[in-house]
Amino acid sequence: MQQRAINVLLTGVTGTALAGMLVAGVAAASDDSAPDKQFLPQQAVAAQEHKAPPKQDLGGVAKSEPKAGAKHGTRTGGKADGKADGKRETKSPSALLSGKTTASYFWDDGSGVNGDTGAPAGGKPMQKGLFASPSWPMHTKVKVTYKGRTVTGFVGDRGPGEPSHRGVMLDLDTYTFRYLLDGKKPASKYNAGTGEGHLKNVKWEVLSWGKGAGKKGAPKPFGS
């Protein structure tokens, strides 16, 4: 009787111990699988935390970053800066030297008319726009203006002679002289067709110096 009671007691204790061991095993198994069940949500959270938010301007509109290698040049009217839409305006050359003088007229072509002394000294034939200067280098480019009318010519002869010592520093061809006076043509190439033999306060501008004989600078009287 006493032995049976002891066996029953041992059986109860052993069953309890086995039950406890089974419960502990199940709990351990549950603990071992826990990280696997929680790994994917943690990765998602970590990825979400490291994702940079889009940049926004003051208006709250998201802006995308410029692509690598993109050119950042401002444009105007669909064309890159630095390129003009049309052609640039052509400016007249600046005067190297300017002043005013009294001008006379001539036409020397070797005919001997009106004291003609022969062909122009510059080597080019007498023509419209050929002027005579007492000192400037031959083939110097000169613009003359009078009463709003302008003619551009060149120095192709020497003169005037003695009048240059009295302030007449330019001798203009007949056509230029008459055009500056009233915009008309001369009666003939040897005669301006007007009683005027001189034009006072003619503005002259040296645009470029010639390479021929003569002196640069302000005009000087003939032979000086």
Protein backbone atom coordinates (compact mmCIF):
# COMPACT_ATOMS: atom_id res chain seq x y z
CA MET A 1 0.00 0.00 0.00
CA GLN A 2 2.71 2.34 0.93
CA GLN A 3 4.70 1.40 -2.20
CA ARG A 4 1.70 2.08 -4.47
CA ALA A 5 1.30 5.51 -3.00
CA ILE A 6 4.94 6.24 -3.64
CA ASN A 7 4.60 5.11 -7.28
CA VAL A 8 1.57 7.29 -7.80
CA LEU A 9 3.39 10.25 -6.34
CA LEU A 10 6.45 9.67 -8.56
CA THR A 11 4.23 9.33 -11.58
CA GLY A 12 2.56 12.66 -10.81
CA VAL A 13 5.86 14.40 -10.27
CA THR A 14 7.33 12.94 -13.44
CA GLY A 15 4.26 13.94 -15.49
CA THR A 16 4.45 17.43 -14.13
CA ALA A 17 8.13 17.66 -14.96
CA LEU A 18 7.58 16.36 -18.47
CA ALA A 19 4.74 18.80 -18.98
CA GLY A 20 6.94 21.62 -17.79
CA MET A 21 9.71 20.61 -20.16
CA LEU A 22 7.28 20.47 -23.09
CA VAL A 23 5.96 23.96 -22.28
CA ALA A 24 9.51 25.31 -22.03
CA GLY A 25 10.41 23.75 -25.38
CA VAL A 26 7.42 25.29 -27.06
CA ALA A 27 8.27 28.68 -25.58
CA ALA A 28 11.88 28.35 -26.70
CA ALA A 29 10.77 27.40 -30.17
CA SER A 30 8.47 30.42 -30.24
CA ASP A 31 11.31 32.71 -29.13
CA ASP A 32 13.68 31.37 -31.81
CA SER A 33 11.26 32.13 -34.62
CA ALA A 34 10.35 35.61 -33.36
CA PRO A 35 13.19 37.53 -35.15
CA ASP A 36 12.22 35.96 -38.48
CA LYS A 37 8.66 37.17 -38.12
CA GLN A 38 9.75 40.74 -37.22
CA PHE A 39 12.65 41.18 -39.77
CA LEU A 40 10.65 42.25 -42.81
CA PRO A 41 8.72 45.03 -41.03
CA GLN A 42 11.96 46.37 -39.49
CA GLN A 43 13.63 46.46 -42.95
CA ALA A 44 10.71 48.34 -44.38
CA VAL A 45 10.82 50.88 -41.54
CA ALA A 46 14.58 51.33 -41.88
CA ALA A 47 14.31 51.78 -45.65
CA GLN A 48 11.53 54.31 -45.18
CA GLU A 49 13.63 56.26 -42.61
CA HIS A 50 16.64 56.47 -44.97
CA LYS A 51 14.66 57.58 -48.04
CA ALA A 52 15.33 61.28 -48.71
CA PRO A 53 12.16 63.37 -49.06
CA PRO A 54 11.69 65.32 -52.32
CA LYS A 55 12.88 68.95 -52.31
CA GLN A 56 10.20 71.61 -52.31
CA ASP A 57 10.18 75.23 -53.36
CA LEU A 58 8.42 78.00 -51.46
CA GLY A 59 5.15 77.12 -53.13
CA GLY A 60 5.31 73.57 -51.83
CA VAL A 61 5.72 71.97 -55.28
CA ALA A 62 8.30 69.20 -55.41
CA LYS A 63 11.30 69.73 -57.71
CA SER A 64 13.42 67.04 -59.21
CA GLU A 65 17.21 67.18 -59.12
CA PRO A 66 18.94 68.11 -62.45
CA LYS A 67 20.39 65.23 -64.36
CA ALA A 68 24.15 64.75 -64.29
CA GLY A 69 25.89 66.46 -67.17
CA ALA A 70 22.98 68.82 -67.92
CA LYS A 71 23.90 72.30 -69.16
CA HIS A 72 22.67 75.16 -67.04
CA GLY A 73 22.53 78.09 -69.48
CA THR A 74 19.88 80.79 -69.53
CA ARG A 75 18.00 81.23 -72.75
CA THR A 76 16.24 84.20 -74.27
CA GLY A 77 13.69 83.81 -76.99
CA GLY A 78 14.65 80.18 -77.51
CA LYS A 79 18.31 80.97 -78.20
CA ALA A 80 21.28 80.60 -75.91
CA ASP A 81 22.65 83.75 -74.31
CA GLY A 82 25.53 85.33 -76.20
CA LYS A 83 23.91 84.76 -79.61
CA ALA A 84 22.21 87.73 -81.14
CA ASP A 85 18.80 87.19 -82.74
CA GLY A 86 19.65 89.51 -85.62
CA LYS A 87 22.65 91.07 -87.28
CA ARG A 88 24.57 93.69 -85.39
CA GLU A 89 24.34 97.25 -86.51
CA THR A 90 27.24 98.35 -88.64
CA LYS A 91 28.87 101.46 -87.24
CA SER A 92 30.81 103.95 -89.31
CA PRO A 93 34.53 104.11 -88.53
CA SER A 94 35.55 106.64 -85.89
CA ALA A 95 37.40 109.73 -87.00
CA LEU A 96 41.14 109.77 -86.25
CA LEU A 97 41.23 113.55 -86.57
CA SER A 98 38.64 116.26 -87.27
CA GLY A 99 38.31 119.99 -87.72
CA LYS A 100 36.89 122.75 -89.92
CA THR A 101 38.33 124.71 -92.82
CA THR A 102 37.49 126.75 -95.90
CA ALA A 103 37.32 124.62 -99.05
CA SER A 104 37.80 125.51 -102.71
CA TYR A 105 37.22 123.36 -105.82
CA PHE A 106 39.21 122.06 -108.79
CA TRP A 107 39.23 119.50 -111.62
CA ASP A 108 42.69 118.62 -112.90
CA ASP A 109 42.74 116.07 -115.68
CA GLY A 110 45.58 117.38 -117.81
CA SER A 111 43.32 119.43 -120.09
CA GLY A 112 44.85 122.76 -119.10
CA VAL A 113 41.41 124.29 -118.43
CA ASN A 114 41.21 126.81 -115.57
CA GLY A 115 44.91 126.57 -114.82
CA ASP A 116 44.96 122.79 -114.86
CA THR A 117 48.51 121.71 -114.02
CA GLY A 118 48.19 118.09 -115.11
CA ALA A 119 47.05 114.73 -113.75
CA PRO A 120 46.63 114.31 -109.98
CA ALA A 121 49.86 113.71 -108.05
CA GLY A 122 48.50 110.61 -106.24
CA GLY A 123 48.62 108.46 -109.36
CA LYS A 124 44.87 107.97 -109.73
CA PRO A 125 42.82 109.71 -112.44
CA MET A 126 40.68 112.72 -111.59
CA GLN A 127 37.26 111.59 -110.35
CA LYS A 128 34.39 112.36 -108.02
CA GLY A 129 35.55 112.17 -104.41
CA LEU A 130 39.18 113.03 -105.18
CA PHE A 131 40.41 115.83 -102.92
CA ALA A 132 43.62 117.83 -102.76
CA SER A 133 45.41 118.48 -99.46
CA PRO A 134 48.50 120.64 -98.92
CA SER A 135 50.08 118.18 -96.45
CA TRP A 136 48.18 114.93 -95.73
CA PRO A 137 49.53 111.58 -96.99
CA MET A 138 48.24 110.50 -100.39
CA HIS A 139 45.20 108.20 -100.33
CA THR A 140 44.13 109.37 -96.89
CA LYS A 141 40.40 108.71 -96.47
CA VAL A 142 38.47 111.88 -95.62
CA LYS A 143 34.81 112.66 -94.93
CA VAL A 144 33.55 116.22 -95.50
CA THR A 145 30.26 117.64 -94.20
CA TYR A 146 28.50 120.92 -94.96
CA LYS A 147 24.88 121.93 -94.19
CA GLY A 148 23.97 118.36 -93.36
CA ARG A 149 25.31 116.93 -96.62
CA THR A 150 28.24 114.52 -96.49
CA VAL A 151 30.71 113.08 -99.00
CA THR A 152 33.51 110.60 -98.29
CA GLY A 153 36.57 110.77 -100.56
CA PHE A 154 40.34 110.50 -100.54
CA VAL A 155 43.42 112.67 -100.95
CA GLY A 156 44.70 112.21 -104.48
CA ASP A 157 46.46 115.51 -105.24
CA ARG A 158 48.37 118.43 -103.71
CA GLY A 159 46.68 121.78 -103.20
CA PRO A 160 45.52 124.35 -102.86
CA GLY A 161 48.82 126.16 -103.16
CA GLU A 162 49.04 129.76 -101.99
CA PRO A 163 45.44 129.84 -100.62
CA SER A 164 46.46 127.23 -98.03
CA HIS A 165 48.56 129.92 -96.34
CA ARG A 166 45.31 131.85 -95.90
CA GLY A 167 43.42 128.99 -94.28
CA VAL A 168 42.06 127.16 -97.35
CA MET A 169 43.16 123.64 -96.43
CA LEU A 170 41.06 121.53 -98.81
CA ASP A 171 40.48 121.55 -102.56
CA LEU A 172 37.39 119.49 -103.44
CA ASP A 173 36.49 118.05 -106.81
CA THR A 174 33.79 120.05 -108.63
CA TYR A 175 31.01 117.52 -108.04
CA THR A 176 31.63 117.29 -104.30
CA PHE A 177 31.85 121.07 -103.97
CA ARG A 178 28.52 121.69 -105.74
CA TYR A 179 26.72 118.88 -103.92
CA LEU A 180 27.78 120.22 -100.52
CA LEU A 181 26.69 123.73 -101.54
CA ASP A 182 23.10 123.00 -102.62
CA GLY A 183 22.78 119.30 -103.45
CA LYS A 184 22.97 119.91 -107.22
CA LYS A 185 25.40 119.00 -110.00
CA PRO A 186 27.97 121.42 -111.47
CA ALA A 187 27.44 123.11 -114.86
CA SER A 188 30.51 121.22 -116.05
CA LYS A 189 33.33 119.31 -114.40
CA TYR A 190 35.50 122.41 -114.75
CA ASN A 191 32.96 124.90 -113.36
CA ALA A 192 30.75 124.52 -110.31
CA GLY A 193 28.14 126.75 -111.96
CA THR A 194 27.76 129.09 -109.02
CA GLY A 195 29.30 132.37 -107.99
CA GLU A 196 30.60 130.74 -104.84
CA GLY A 197 34.28 129.81 -105.08
CA HIS A 198 34.70 128.81 -101.46
CA LEU A 199 32.76 127.07 -98.71
CA LYS A 200 33.49 128.23 -95.18
CA ASN A 201 33.37 126.03 -92.09
CA VAL A 202 33.43 122.73 -93.95
CA LYS A 203 33.84 119.96 -91.41
CA TRP A 204 36.49 117.36 -92.28
CA GLU A 205 37.19 114.01 -90.62
CA VAL A 206 40.19 111.78 -91.29
CA LEU A 207 38.91 108.19 -91.28
CA SER A 208 42.20 106.48 -92.15
CA TRP A 209 45.68 107.65 -93.03
CA GLY A 210 47.03 106.88 -96.48
CA LYS A 211 50.37 105.19 -97.11
CA GLY A 212 51.49 107.71 -99.72
CA ALA A 213 53.76 110.73 -99.35
CA GLY A 214 52.70 113.39 -96.87
CA LYS A 215 52.42 114.14 -93.15
CA LYS A 216 49.85 112.95 -90.67
CA GLY A 217 48.21 115.35 -88.24
CA ALA A 218 46.58 118.73 -88.60
CA PRO A 219 46.77 120.14 -92.16
CA LYS A 220 49.66 122.51 -92.87
CA PRO A 221 50.08 125.10 -95.63
CA PHE A 222 51.53 123.91 -98.91
CA GLY A 223 55.34 123.65 -98.91
CA SER A 224 55.73 124.19 -95.15
